[in-house]
Amino acid sequence: MVIQESAENYLETILVLQKRNGTVRSIDIANELDFSKPSVSVAMKNLRNNGYIEMEKTGEIKLLPAGREIAQSIYEKHTVLKGFLVALGVQEQTAAEDACRIEHVISTESFEAIKRHVYEKRGR
């Protein structure tokens, strides 16, 4: 399944905010990403229409299975790539920024190879 990078970023942000705060509202996403509330509202409507999220009457945003799958995949890539870059000596802030860009374009084959390498090194 191929979706736009911006949608992946929104889904990942929802997942991260859920882990951090328990609940997520549009304003939380706007504050986290430093985006305008209207921009986030449009994005949430698109994610809802595509079956990635649902919005409760209270305004709480929840990931649906398809959205959660994408969010978890992107979050895993970000976490592994950031850790890999830090282990190579890249400063943490730079590693986080680079991982955020790489996570959207890296092939499954390359990511799995990096992941195997990272976990093999941890096992030693």
PDB file of N, CA and C in Angstrom:
ATOM      1  N   MET A   1       0.832  -1.168   0.000  1.00  0.00           N
ATOM      2  CA  MET A   1       0.000   0.000   0.000  1.00  0.00           C
ATOM      3  C   MET A   1       0.887   1.246   0.000  1.00  0.00           C
ATOM      4  N   VAL A   2       0.644   2.161  -0.909  1.00  0.00           N
ATOM      5  CA  VAL A   2       1.432   3.371  -1.012  1.00  0.00           C
ATOM      6  C   VAL A   2       0.549   4.556  -0.648  1.00  0.00           C
ATOM      7  N   ILE A   3       0.990   5.326   0.345  1.00  0.00           N
ATOM      8  CA  ILE A   3       0.293   6.551   0.692  1.00  0.00           C
ATOM      9  C   ILE A   3       1.309   7.675   0.721  1.00  0.00           C
ATOM     10  N   GLN A   4       0.813   8.895   0.733  1.00  0.00           N
ATOM     11  CA  GLN A   4       1.709  10.044   0.719  1.00  0.00           C
ATOM     12  C   GLN A   4       2.501  10.153   2.010  1.00  0.00           C
ATOM     13  N   GLU A   5       3.682  10.716   1.870  1.00  0.00           N
ATOM     14  CA  GLU A   5       4.557  10.904   3.026  1.00  0.00           C
ATOM     15  C   GLU A   5       3.872  11.703   4.127  1.00  0.00           C
ATOM     16  N   SER A   6       3.112  12.732   3.740  1.00  0.00           N
ATOM     17  CA  SER A   6       2.435  13.551   4.760  1.00  0.00           C
ATOM     18  C   SER A   6       1.435  12.721   5.555  1.00  0.00           C
ATOM     19  N   ALA A   7       0.718  11.823   4.896  1.00  0.00           N
ATOM     20  CA  ALA A   7      -0.238  10.956   5.601  1.00  0.00           C
ATOM     21  C   ALA A   7       0.513  10.024   6.548  1.00  0.00           C
ATOM     22  N   GLU A   8       1.652   9.501   6.106  1.00  0.00           N
ATOM     23  CA  GLU A   8       2.461   8.649   6.977  1.00  0.00           C
ATOM     24  C   GLU A   8       2.913   9.425   8.217  1.00  0.00           C
ATOM     25  N   ASN A   9       3.326  10.672   8.018  1.00  0.00           N
ATOM     26  CA  ASN A   9       3.766  11.496   9.149  1.00  0.00           C
ATOM     27  C   ASN A   9       2.626  11.743  10.139  1.00  0.00           C
ATOM     28  N   TYR A  10       1.453  12.027   9.622  1.00  0.00           N
ATOM     29  CA  TYR A  10       0.300  12.238  10.508  1.00  0.00           C
ATOM     30  C   TYR A  10      -0.023  10.971  11.295  1.00  0.00           C
ATOM     31  N   LEU A  11      -0.046   9.836  10.622  1.00  0.00           N
ATOM     32  CA  LEU A  11      -0.361   8.575  11.305  1.00  0.00           C
ATOM     33  C   LEU A  11       0.687   8.248  12.360  1.00  0.00           C
ATOM     34  N   GLU A  12       1.959   8.441  12.028  1.00  0.00           N
ATOM     35  CA  GLU A  12       3.021   8.200  12.993  1.00  0.00           C
ATOM     36  C   GLU A  12       2.875   9.142  14.195  1.00  0.00           C
ATOM     37  N   THR A  13       2.559  10.391  13.931  1.00  0.00           N
ATOM     38  CA  THR A  13       2.387  11.372  15.012  1.00  0.00           C
ATOM     39  C   THR A  13       1.228  10.978  15.918  1.00  0.00           C
ATOM     40  N   ILE A  14       0.132  10.513  15.341  1.00  0.00           N
ATOM     41  CA  ILE A  14      -1.003  10.056  16.155  1.00  0.00           C
ATOM     42  C   ILE A  14      -0.562   8.915  17.054  1.00  0.00           C
ATOM     43  N   LEU A  15       0.183   7.951  16.507  1.00  0.00           N
ATOM     44  CA  LEU A  15       0.658   6.819  17.297  1.00  0.00           C
ATOM     45  C   LEU A  15       1.557   7.288  18.443  1.00  0.00           C
ATOM     46  N   VAL A  16       2.497   8.167  18.141  1.00  0.00           N
ATOM     47  CA  VAL A  16       3.428   8.664  19.157  1.00  0.00           C
ATOM     48  C   VAL A  16       2.676   9.415  20.252  1.00  0.00           C
ATOM     49  N   LEU A  17       1.718  10.254  19.863  1.00  0.00           N
ATOM     50  CA  LEU A  17       0.943  11.003  20.851  1.00  0.00           C
ATOM     51  C   LEU A  17       0.068  10.082  21.691  1.00  0.00           C
ATOM     52  N   GLN A  18      -0.480   9.039  21.084  1.00  0.00           N
ATOM     53  CA  GLN A  18      -1.265   8.071  21.854  1.00  0.00           C
ATOM     54  C   GLN A  18      -0.390   7.391  22.889  1.00  0.00           C
ATOM     55  N   LYS A  19       0.829   7.019  22.493  1.00  0.00           N
ATOM     56  CA  LYS A  19       1.752   6.377  23.431  1.00  0.00           C
ATOM     57  C   LYS A  19       2.105   7.343  24.575  1.00  0.00           C
ATOM     58  N   ARG A  20       2.312   8.595  24.238  1.00  0.00           N
ATOM     59  CA  ARG A  20       2.750   9.589  25.210  1.00  0.00           C
ATOM     60  C   ARG A  20       1.614  10.063  26.120  1.00  0.00           C
ATOM     61  N   ASN A  21       0.450  10.360  25.517  1.00  0.00           N
ATOM     62  CA  ASN A  21      -0.630  11.026  26.250  1.00  0.00           C
ATOM     63  C   ASN A  21      -1.867  10.167  26.488  1.00  0.00           C
ATOM     64  N   GLY A  22      -1.983   9.059  25.779  1.00  0.00           N
ATOM     65  CA  GLY A  22      -3.172   8.226  25.906  1.00  0.00           C
ATOM     66  C   GLY A  22      -4.270   8.601  24.933  1.00  0.00           C
ATOM     67  N   THR A  23      -4.525   9.878  24.778  1.00  0.00           N
ATOM     68  CA  THR A  23      -5.549  10.341  23.843  1.00  0.00           C
ATOM     69  C   THR A  23      -4.941  11.388  22.906  1.00  0.00           C
ATOM     70  N   VAL A  24      -5.582  11.561  21.751  1.00  0.00           N
ATOM     71  CA  VAL A  24      -5.085  12.513  20.757  1.00  0.00           C
ATOM     72  C   VAL A  24      -6.258  13.292  20.193  1.00  0.00           C
ATOM     73  N   ARG A  25      -6.071  14.590  20.077  1.00  0.00           N
ATOM     74  CA  ARG A  25      -7.027  15.477  19.413  1.00  0.00           C
ATOM     75  C   ARG A  25      -6.263  16.244  18.321  1.00  0.00           C
ATOM     76  N   SER A  26      -6.994  16.847  17.429  1.00  0.00           N
ATOM     77  CA  SER A  26      -6.365  17.593  16.327  1.00  0.00           C
ATOM     78  C   SER A  26      -5.402  18.650  16.834  1.00  0.00           C
ATOM     79  N   ILE A  27      -5.757  19.341  17.909  1.00  0.00           N
ATOM     80  CA  ILE A  27      -4.889  20.400  18.440  1.00  0.00           C
ATOM     81  C   ILE A  27      -3.557  19.827  18.911  1.00  0.00           C
ATOM     82  N   ASP A  28      -3.573  18.602  19.426  1.00  0.00           N
ATOM     83  CA  ASP A  28      -2.326  17.957  19.855  1.00  0.00           C
ATOM     84  C   ASP A  28      -1.401  17.738  18.661  1.00  0.00           C
ATOM     85  N   ILE A  29      -1.997  17.303  17.554  1.00  0.00           N
ATOM     86  CA  ILE A  29      -1.221  17.063  16.330  1.00  0.00           C
ATOM     87  C   ILE A  29      -0.673  18.377  15.793  1.00  0.00           C
ATOM     88  N   ALA A  30      -1.520  19.405  15.781  1.00  0.00           N
ATOM     89  CA  ALA A  30      -1.089  20.721  15.305  1.00  0.00           C
ATOM     90  C   ALA A  30       0.086  21.233  16.136  1.00  0.00           C
ATOM     91  N   ASN A  31      -0.009  21.094  17.446  1.00  0.00           N
ATOM     92  CA  ASN A  31       1.074  21.546  18.320  1.00  0.00           C
ATOM     93  C   ASN A  31       2.342  20.721  18.127  1.00  0.00           C
ATOM     94  N   GLU A  32       2.209  19.413  17.999  1.00  0.00           N
ATOM     95  CA  GLU A  32       3.372  18.527  17.843  1.00  0.00           C
ATOM     96  C   GLU A  32       4.117  18.808  16.549  1.00  0.00           C
ATOM     97  N   LEU A  33       3.378  19.010  15.471  1.00  0.00           N
ATOM     98  CA  LEU A  33       3.997  19.201  14.155  1.00  0.00           C
ATOM     99  C   LEU A  33       4.211  20.674  13.802  1.00  0.00           C
ATOM    100  N   ASP A  34       3.700  21.569  14.652  1.00  0.00           N
ATOM    101  CA  ASP A  34       3.757  23.006  14.400  1.00  0.00           C
ATOM    102  C   ASP A  34       3.056  23.359  13.090  1.00  0.00           C
ATOM    103  N   PHE A  35       1.879  22.762  12.903  1.00  0.00           N
ATOM    104  CA  PHE A  35       1.027  23.034  11.746  1.00  0.00           C
ATOM    105  C   PHE A  35      -0.195  23.805  12.218  1.00  0.00           C
ATOM    106  N   SER A  36      -0.871  24.459  11.280  1.00  0.00           N
ATOM    107  CA  SER A  36      -2.096  25.171  11.636  1.00  0.00           C
ATOM    108  C   SER A  36      -3.221  24.172  11.891  1.00  0.00           C
ATOM    109  N   LYS A  37      -4.145  24.564  12.747  1.00  0.00           N
ATOM    110  CA  LYS A  37      -5.301  23.711  13.057  1.00  0.00           C
ATOM    111  C   LYS A  37      -6.109  23.411  11.792  1.00  0.00           C
ATOM    112  N   PRO A  38      -6.357  24.403  10.902  1.00  0.00           N
ATOM    113  CA  PRO A  38      -7.093  24.092   9.667  1.00  0.00           C
ATOM    114  C   PRO A  38      -6.384  23.053   8.781  1.00  0.00           C
ATOM    115  N   SER A  39      -5.058  23.120   8.699  1.00  0.00           N
ATOM    116  CA  SER A  39      -4.313  22.131   7.894  1.00  0.00           C
ATOM    117  C   SER A  39      -4.481  20.736   8.470  1.00  0.00           C
ATOM    118  N   VAL A  40      -4.399  20.632   9.794  1.00  0.00           N
ATOM    119  CA  VAL A  40      -4.567  19.337  10.453  1.00  0.00           C
ATOM    120  C   VAL A  40      -5.991  18.837  10.262  1.00  0.00           C
ATOM    121  N   SER A  41      -6.967  19.725  10.333  1.00  0.00           N
ATOM    122  CA  SER A  41      -8.368  19.317  10.152  1.00  0.00           C
ATOM    123  C   SER A  41      -8.606  18.723   8.773  1.00  0.00           C
ATOM    124  N   VAL A  42      -8.019  19.331   7.753  1.00  0.00           N
ATOM    125  CA  VAL A  42      -8.142  18.809   6.379  1.00  0.00           C
ATOM    126  C   VAL A  42      -7.488  17.433   6.292  1.00  0.00           C
ATOM    127  N   ALA A  43      -6.300  17.306   6.873  1.00  0.00           N
ATOM    128  CA  ALA A  43      -5.590  16.020   6.837  1.00  0.00           C
ATOM    129  C   ALA A  43      -6.386  14.943   7.575  1.00  0.00           C
ATOM    130  N   MET A  44      -6.975  15.280   8.719  1.00  0.00           N
ATOM    131  CA  MET A  44      -7.753  14.296   9.484  1.00  0.00           C
ATOM    132  C   MET A  44      -8.979  13.858   8.697  1.00  0.00           C
ATOM    133  N   LYS A  45      -9.589  14.786   7.992  1.00  0.00           N
ATOM    134  CA  LYS A  45     -10.743  14.432   7.154  1.00  0.00           C
ATOM    135  C   LYS A  45     -10.321  13.437   6.077  1.00  0.00           C
ATOM    136  N   ASN A  46      -9.181  13.686   5.442  1.00  0.00           N
ATOM    137  CA  ASN A  46      -8.685  12.772   4.404  1.00  0.00           C
ATOM    138  C   ASN A  46      -8.345  11.399   4.984  1.00  0.00           C
ATOM    139  N   LEU A  47      -7.691  11.380   6.149  1.00  0.00           N
ATOM    140  CA  LEU A  47      -7.350  10.100   6.783  1.00  0.00           C
ATOM    141  C   LEU A  47      -8.617   9.344   7.187  1.00  0.00           C
ATOM    142  N   ARG A  48      -9.604  10.063   7.666  1.00  0.00           N
ATOM    143  CA  ARG A  48     -10.879   9.445   8.042  1.00  0.00           C
ATOM    144  C   ARG A  48     -11.583   8.875   6.801  1.00  0.00           C
ATOM    145  N   ASN A  49     -11.629   9.659   5.734  1.00  0.00           N
ATOM    146  CA  ASN A  49     -12.289   9.216   4.498  1.00  0.00           C
ATOM    147  C   ASN A  49     -11.607   8.007   3.864  1.00  0.00           C
ATOM    148  N   ASN A  50     -10.313   7.844   4.127  1.00  0.00           N
ATOM    149  CA  ASN A  50      -9.566   6.714   3.574  1.00  0.00           C
ATOM    150  C   ASN A  50      -9.502   5.520   4.519  1.00  0.00           C
ATOM    151  N   GLY A  51     -10.185   5.624   5.653  1.00  0.00           N
ATOM    152  CA  GLY A  51     -10.274   4.484   6.565  1.00  0.00           C
ATOM    153  C   GLY A  51      -9.070   4.256   7.462  1.00  0.00           C
ATOM    154  N   TYR A  52      -8.292   5.315   7.714  1.00  0.00           N
ATOM    155  CA  TYR A  52      -7.109   5.174   8.563  1.00  0.00           C
ATOM    156  C   TYR A  52      -7.364   5.574  10.015  1.00  0.00           C
ATOM    157  N   ILE A  53      -8.312   6.486  10.216  1.00  0.00           N
ATOM    158  CA  ILE A  53      -8.626   6.945  11.568  1.00  0.00           C
ATOM    159  C   ILE A  53     -10.139   7.062  11.732  1.00  0.00           C
ATOM    160  N   GLU A  54     -10.543   7.168  13.002  1.00  0.00           N
ATOM    161  CA  GLU A  54     -11.912   7.551  13.296  1.00  0.00           C
ATOM    162  C   GLU A  54     -11.848   8.662  14.326  1.00  0.00           C
ATOM    163  N   MET A  55     -12.853   9.511  14.291  1.00  0.00           N
ATOM    164  CA  MET A  55     -12.915  10.605  15.246  1.00  0.00           C
ATOM    165  C   MET A  55     -14.167  10.438  16.090  1.00  0.00           C
ATOM    166  N   GLU A  56     -13.943  10.405  17.395  1.00  0.00           N
ATOM    167  CA  GLU A  56     -15.049  10.281  18.341  1.00  0.00           C
ATOM    168  C   GLU A  56     -15.801  11.609  18.427  1.00  0.00           C
ATOM    169  N   LYS A  57     -17.001  11.579  18.950  1.00  0.00           N
ATOM    170  CA  LYS A  57     -17.784  12.809  19.136  1.00  0.00           C
ATOM    171  C   LYS A  57     -17.070  13.783  20.063  1.00  0.00           C
ATOM    172  N   THR A  58     -16.224  13.246  20.927  1.00  0.00           N
ATOM    173  CA  THR A  58     -15.459  14.079  21.861  1.00  0.00           C
ATOM    174  C   THR A  58     -14.271  14.762  21.190  1.00  0.00           C
ATOM    175  N   GLY A  59     -13.993  14.407  19.933  1.00  0.00           N
ATOM    176  CA  GLY A  59     -12.854  14.965  19.210  1.00  0.00           C
ATOM    177  C   GLY A  59     -11.616  14.093  19.278  1.00  0.00           C
ATOM    178  N   GLU A  60     -11.703  13.004  20.047  1.00  0.00           N
ATOM    179  CA  GLU A  60     -10.558  12.107  20.156  1.00  0.00           C
ATOM    180  C   GLU A  60     -10.348  11.363  18.840  1.00  0.00           C
ATOM    181  N   ILE A  61      -9.092  11.255  18.448  1.00  0.00           N
ATOM    182  CA  ILE A  61      -8.715  10.575  17.198  1.00  0.00           C
ATOM    183  C   ILE A  61      -8.150   9.210  17.550  1.00  0.00           C
ATOM    184  N   LYS A  62      -8.635   8.195  16.855  1.00  0.00           N
ATOM    185  CA  LYS A  62      -8.156   6.831  17.077  1.00  0.00           C
ATOM    186  C   LYS A  62      -7.735   6.224  15.743  1.00  0.00           C
ATOM    187  N   LEU A  63      -6.648   5.482  15.787  1.00  0.00           N
ATOM    188  CA  LEU A  63      -6.179   4.780  14.594  1.00  0.00           C
ATOM    189  C   LEU A  63      -7.040   3.553  14.351  1.00  0.00           C
ATOM    190  N   LEU A  64      -7.457   3.365  13.117  1.00  0.00           N
ATOM    191  CA  LEU A  64      -8.118   2.126  12.704  1.00  0.00           C
ATOM    192  C   LEU A  64      -7.019   1.139  12.312  1.00  0.00           C
ATOM    193  N   PRO A  65      -7.341  -0.138  12.159  1.00  0.00           N
ATOM    194  CA  PRO A  65      -6.291  -1.133  11.874  1.00  0.00           C
ATOM    195  C   PRO A  65      -5.362  -0.765  10.713  1.00  0.00           C
ATOM    196  N   ALA A  66      -5.898  -0.283   9.613  1.00  0.00           N
ATOM    197  CA  ALA A  66      -5.036   0.082   8.474  1.00  0.00           C
ATOM    198  C   ALA A  66      -4.110   1.238   8.828  1.00  0.00           C
ATOM    199  N   GLY A  67      -4.627   2.217   9.555  1.00  0.00           N
ATOM    200  CA  GLY A  67      -3.806   3.355   9.978  1.00  0.00           C
ATOM    201  C   GLY A  67      -2.765   2.956  10.992  1.00  0.00           C
ATOM    202  N   ARG A  68      -3.148   2.080  11.926  1.00  0.00           N
ATOM    203  CA  ARG A  68      -2.206   1.614  12.953  1.00  0.00           C
ATOM    204  C   ARG A  68      -1.057   0.841  12.298  1.00  0.00           C
ATOM    205  N   GLU A  69      -1.367   0.021  11.312  1.00  0.00           N
ATOM    206  CA  GLU A  69      -0.332  -0.770  10.631  1.00  0.00           C
ATOM    207  C   GLU A  69       0.710   0.144   9.970  1.00  0.00           C
ATOM    208  N   ILE A  70       0.239   1.156   9.282  1.00  0.00           N
ATOM    209  CA  ILE A  70       1.151   2.102   8.628  1.00  0.00           C
ATOM    210  C   ILE A  70       1.947   2.867   9.682  1.00  0.00           C
ATOM    211  N   ALA A  71       1.263   3.360  10.707  1.00  0.00           N
ATOM    212  CA  ALA A  71       1.928   4.137  11.757  1.00  0.00           C
ATOM    213  C   ALA A  71       3.015   3.323  12.450  1.00  0.00           C
ATOM    214  N   GLN A  72       2.711   2.080  12.772  1.00  0.00           N
ATOM    215  CA  GLN A  72       3.696   1.238  13.450  1.00  0.00           C
ATOM    216  C   GLN A  72       4.887   0.942  12.550  1.00  0.00           C
ATOM    217  N   SER A  73       4.637   0.742  11.280  1.00  0.00           N
ATOM    218  CA  SER A  73       5.719   0.492  10.330  1.00  0.00           C
ATOM    219  C   SER A  73       6.649   1.703  10.227  1.00  0.00           C
ATOM    220  N   ILE A  74       6.073   2.880  10.102  1.00  0.00           N
ATOM    221  CA  ILE A  74       6.873   4.102   9.992  1.00  0.00           C
ATOM    222  C   ILE A  74       7.616   4.360  11.294  1.00  0.00           C
ATOM    223  N   TYR A  75       6.948   4.158  12.417  1.00  0.00           N
ATOM    224  CA  TYR A  75       7.572   4.374  13.728  1.00  0.00           C
ATOM    225  C   TYR A  75       8.747   3.407  13.941  1.00  0.00           C
ATOM    226  N   GLU A  76       8.568   2.159  13.537  1.00  0.00           N
ATOM    227  CA  GLU A  76       9.663   1.187  13.663  1.00  0.00           C
ATOM    228  C   GLU A  76      10.850   1.621  12.812  1.00  0.00           C
ATOM    229  N   LYS A  77      10.577   2.018  11.580  1.00  0.00           N
ATOM    230  CA  LYS A  77      11.666   2.476  10.711  1.00  0.00           C
ATOM    231  C   LYS A  77      12.389   3.657  11.344  1.00  0.00           C
ATOM    232  N   HIS A  78      11.617   4.613  11.846  1.00  0.00           N
ATOM    233  CA  HIS A  78      12.222   5.796  12.454  1.00  0.00           C
ATOM    234  C   HIS A  78      13.119   5.408  13.628  1.00  0.00           C
ATOM    235  N   THR A  79      12.599   4.563  14.493  1.00  0.00           N
ATOM    236  CA  THR A  79      13.329   4.167  15.700  1.00  0.00           C
ATOM    237  C   THR A  79      14.616   3.422  15.353  1.00  0.00           C
ATOM    238  N   VAL A  80      14.520   2.453  14.459  1.00  0.00           N
ATOM    239  CA  VAL A  80      15.695   1.659  14.082  1.00  0.00           C
ATOM    240  C   VAL A  80      16.721   2.526  13.355  1.00  0.00           C
ATOM    241  N   LEU A  81      16.256   3.333  12.405  1.00  0.00           N
ATOM    242  CA  LEU A  81      17.181   4.164  11.635  1.00  0.00           C
ATOM    243  C   LEU A  81      17.873   5.205  12.516  1.00  0.00           C
ATOM    244  N   LYS A  82      17.115   5.830  13.398  1.00  0.00           N
ATOM    245  CA  LYS A  82      17.708   6.811  14.300  1.00  0.00           C
ATOM    246  C   LYS A  82      18.776   6.145  15.173  1.00  0.00           C
ATOM    247  N   GLY A  83      18.438   5.003  15.749  1.00  0.00           N
ATOM    248  CA  GLY A  83      19.399   4.285  16.585  1.00  0.00           C
ATOM    249  C   GLY A  83      20.644   3.881  15.810  1.00  0.00           C
ATOM    250  N   PHE A  84      20.445   3.440  14.584  1.00  0.00           N
ATOM    251  CA  PHE A  84      21.564   3.039  13.725  1.00  0.00           C
ATOM    252  C   PHE A  84      22.484   4.228  13.470  1.00  0.00           C
ATOM    253  N   LEU A  85      21.903   5.370  13.137  1.00  0.00           N
ATOM    254  CA  LEU A  85      22.711   6.559  12.851  1.00  0.00           C
ATOM    255  C   LEU A  85      23.442   7.051  14.098  1.00  0.00           C
ATOM    256  N   VAL A  86      22.773   7.029  15.226  1.00  0.00           N
ATOM    257  CA  VAL A  86      23.426   7.426  16.480  1.00  0.00           C
ATOM    258  C   VAL A  86      24.598   6.496  16.771  1.00  0.00           C
ATOM    259  N   ALA A  87      24.401   5.191  16.548  1.00  0.00           N
ATOM    260  CA  ALA A  87      25.472   4.218  16.787  1.00  0.00           C
ATOM    261  C   ALA A  87      26.671   4.464  15.868  1.00  0.00           C
ATOM    262  N   LEU A  88      26.408   5.063  14.716  1.00  0.00           N
ATOM    263  CA  LEU A  88      27.493   5.398  13.790  1.00  0.00           C
ATOM    264  C   LEU A  88      28.193   6.696  14.167  1.00  0.00           C
ATOM    265  N   GLY A  89      27.671   7.379  15.190  1.00  0.00           N
ATOM    266  CA  GLY A  89      28.306   8.607  15.649  1.00  0.00           C
ATOM    267  C   GLY A  89      27.602   9.889  15.242  1.00  0.00           C
ATOM    268  N   VAL A  90      26.442   9.776  14.625  1.00  0.00           N
ATOM    269  CA  VAL A  90      25.677  10.962  14.231  1.00  0.00           C
ATOM    270  C   VAL A  90      25.024  11.547  15.486  1.00  0.00           C
ATOM    271  N   GLN A  91      25.024  12.868  15.606  1.00  0.00           N
ATOM    272  CA  GLN A  91      24.372  13.509  16.751  1.00  0.00           C
ATOM    273  C   GLN A  91      22.885  13.168  16.753  1.00  0.00           C
ATOM    274  N   GLU A  92      22.322  13.030  17.951  1.00  0.00           N
ATOM    275  CA  GLU A  92      20.949  12.547  18.096  1.00  0.00           C
ATOM    276  C   GLU A  92      19.924  13.385  17.323  1.00  0.00           C
ATOM    277  N   GLN A  93      20.014  14.700  17.393  1.00  0.00           N
ATOM    278  CA  GLN A  93      19.057  15.565  16.684  1.00  0.00           C
ATOM    279  C   GLN A  93      19.156  15.362  15.175  1.00  0.00           C
ATOM    280  N   THR A  94      20.371  15.305  14.664  1.00  0.00           N
ATOM    281  CA  THR A  94      20.581  15.082  13.228  1.00  0.00           C
ATOM    282  C   THR A  94      20.079  13.699  12.831  1.00  0.00           C
ATOM    283  N   ALA A  95      20.361  12.705  13.652  1.00  0.00           N
ATOM    284  CA  ALA A  95      19.915  11.337  13.376  1.00  0.00           C
ATOM    285  C   ALA A  95      18.391  11.273  13.320  1.00  0.00           C
ATOM    286  N   ALA A  96      17.725  11.960  14.233  1.00  0.00           N
ATOM    287  CA  ALA A  96      16.257  11.965  14.248  1.00  0.00           C
ATOM    288  C   ALA A  96      15.702  12.625  12.992  1.00  0.00           C
ATOM    289  N   GLU A  97      16.296  13.746  12.607  1.00  0.00           N
ATOM    290  CA  GLU A  97      15.837  14.452  11.400  1.00  0.00           C
ATOM    291  C   GLU A  97      16.075  13.614  10.145  1.00  0.00           C
ATOM    292  N   ASP A  98      17.249  13.007  10.050  1.00  0.00           N
ATOM    293  CA  ASP A  98      17.554  12.174   8.881  1.00  0.00           C
ATOM    294  C   ASP A  98      16.663  10.935   8.840  1.00  0.00           C
ATOM    295  N   ALA A  99      16.457  10.304   9.996  1.00  0.00           N
ATOM    296  CA  ALA A  99      15.595   9.116  10.050  1.00  0.00           C
ATOM    297  C   ALA A  99      14.189   9.459   9.585  1.00  0.00           C
ATOM    298  N   CYS A 100      13.728  10.653   9.939  1.00  0.00           N
ATOM    299  CA  CYS A 100      12.379  11.076   9.547  1.00  0.00           C
ATOM    300  C   CYS A 100      12.254  11.181   8.023  1.00  0.00           C
ATOM    301  N   ARG A 101      13.318  11.570   7.363  1.00  0.00           N
ATOM    302  CA  ARG A 101      13.278  11.641   5.900  1.00  0.00           C
ATOM    303  C   ARG A 101      13.467  10.268   5.260  1.00  0.00           C
ATOM    304  N   ILE A 102      14.425   9.506   5.773  1.00  0.00           N
ATOM    305  CA  ILE A 102      14.758   8.203   5.189  1.00  0.00           C
ATOM    306  C   ILE A 102      13.611   7.208   5.326  1.00  0.00           C
ATOM    307  N   GLU A 103      12.889   7.260   6.453  1.00  0.00           N
ATOM    308  CA  GLU A 103      11.848   6.268   6.739  1.00  0.00           C
ATOM    309  C   GLU A 103      10.782   6.174   5.659  1.00  0.00           C
ATOM    310  N   HIS A 104      10.627   7.220   4.872  1.00  0.00           N
ATOM    311  CA  HIS A 104       9.574   7.243   3.852  1.00  0.00           C
ATOM    312  C   HIS A 104      10.034   6.703   2.502  1.00  0.00           C
ATOM    313  N   VAL A 105      11.334   6.603   2.305  1.00  0.00           N
ATOM    314  CA  VAL A 105      11.829   6.224   0.974  1.00  0.00           C
ATOM    315  C   VAL A 105      12.643   4.942   0.951  1.00  0.00           C
ATOM    316  N   ILE A 106      13.055   4.466   2.115  1.00  0.00           N
ATOM    317  CA  ILE A 106      13.909   3.286   2.154  1.00  0.00           C
ATOM    318  C   ILE A 106      13.125   2.047   1.698  1.00  0.00           C
ATOM    319  N   SER A 107      13.780   1.200   0.941  1.00  0.00           N
ATOM    320  CA  SER A 107      13.134  -0.036   0.481  1.00  0.00           C
ATOM    321  C   SER A 107      12.993  -1.005   1.652  1.00  0.00           C
ATOM    322  N   THR A 108      12.070  -1.921   1.533  1.00  0.00           N
ATOM    323  CA  THR A 108      11.891  -2.950   2.554  1.00  0.00           C
ATOM    324  C   THR A 108      13.160  -3.780   2.683  1.00  0.00           C
ATOM    325  N   GLU A 109      13.776  -4.107   1.563  1.00  0.00           N
ATOM    326  CA  GLU A 109      14.995  -4.915   1.585  1.00  0.00           C
ATOM    327  C   GLU A 109      16.116  -4.220   2.357  1.00  0.00           C
ATOM    328  N   SER A 110      16.344  -2.951   2.070  1.00  0.00           N
ATOM    329  CA  SER A 110      17.402  -2.215   2.770  1.00  0.00           C
ATOM    330  C   SER A 110      17.083  -2.054   4.243  1.00  0.00           C
ATOM    331  N   PHE A 111      15.838  -1.743   4.560  1.00  0.00           N
ATOM    332  CA  PHE A 111      15.466  -1.578   5.965  1.00  0.00           C
ATOM    333  C   PHE A 111      15.643  -2.875   6.733  1.00  0.00           C
ATOM    334  N   GLU A 112      15.212  -3.974   6.170  1.00  0.00           N
ATOM    335  CA  GLU A 112      15.346  -5.271   6.855  1.00  0.00           C
ATOM    336  C   GLU A 112      16.814  -5.623   7.069  1.00  0.00           C
ATOM    337  N   ALA A 113      17.666  -5.274   6.107  1.00  0.00           N
ATOM    338  CA  ALA A 113      19.101  -5.539   6.265  1.00  0.00           C
ATOM    339  C   ALA A 113      19.683  -4.697   7.403  1.00  0.00           C
ATOM    340  N   ILE A 114      19.304  -3.433   7.475  1.00  0.00           N
ATOM    341  CA  ILE A 114      19.774  -2.571   8.568  1.00  0.00           C
ATOM    342  C   ILE A 114      19.253  -3.100   9.898  1.00  0.00           C
ATOM    343  N   LYS A 115      17.998  -3.483   9.932  1.00  0.00           N
ATOM    344  CA  LYS A 115      17.403  -3.998  11.165  1.00  0.00           C
ATOM    345  C   LYS A 115      18.124  -5.260  11.632  1.00  0.00           C
ATOM    346  N   ARG A 116      18.407  -6.169  10.705  1.00  0.00           N
ATOM    347  CA  ARG A 116      19.150  -7.390  11.064  1.00  0.00           C
ATOM    348  C   ARG A 116      20.515  -7.024  11.630  1.00  0.00           C
ATOM    349  N   HIS A 117      21.187  -6.100  10.987  1.00  0.00           N
ATOM    350  CA  HIS A 117      22.515  -5.672  11.428  1.00  0.00           C
ATOM    351  C   HIS A 117      22.447  -5.068  12.831  1.00  0.00           C
ATOM    352  N   VAL A 118      21.476  -4.211  13.071  1.00  0.00           N
ATOM    353  CA  VAL A 118      21.325  -3.569  14.379  1.00  0.00           C
ATOM    354  C   VAL A 118      21.073  -4.608  15.454  1.00  0.00           C
ATOM    355  N   TYR A 119      20.170  -5.543  15.190  1.00  0.00           N
ATOM    356  CA  TYR A 119      19.826  -6.530  16.209  1.00  0.00           C
ATOM    357  C   TYR A 119      20.938  -7.563  16.408  1.00  0.00           C
ATOM    358  N   GLU A 120      21.706  -7.857  15.364  1.00  0.00           N
ATOM    359  CA  GLU A 120      22.856  -8.746  15.521  1.00  0.00           C
ATOM    360  C   GLU A 120      23.909  -8.092  16.405  1.00  0.00           C
ATOM    361  N   LYS A 121      24.116  -6.803  16.240  1.00  0.00           N
ATOM    362  CA  LYS A 121      25.103  -6.068  17.052  1.00  0.00           C
ATOM    363  C   LYS A 121      24.663  -6.023  18.515  1.00  0.00           C
ATOM    364  N   ARG A 122      23.366  -5.890  18.748  1.00  0.00           N
ATOM    365  CA  ARG A 122      22.857  -5.848  20.121  1.00  0.00           C
ATOM    366  C   ARG A 122      23.026  -7.196  20.807  1.00  0.00           C
ATOM    367  N   GLY A 123      22.933  -8.265  20.024  1.00  0.00           N
ATOM    368  CA  GLY A 123      23.026  -9.617  20.578  1.00  0.00           C
ATOM    369  C   GLY A 123      24.432  -9.985  21.006  1.00  0.00           C
ATOM    370  N   ARG A 124      25.414  -9.245  20.567  1.00  0.00           N
ATOM    371  CA  ARG A 124      26.824  -9.567  20.863  1.00  0.00           C
ATOM    372  C   ARG A 124      27.242  -9.006  22.194  1.00  0.00           C
TER     373      ARG A 124
END
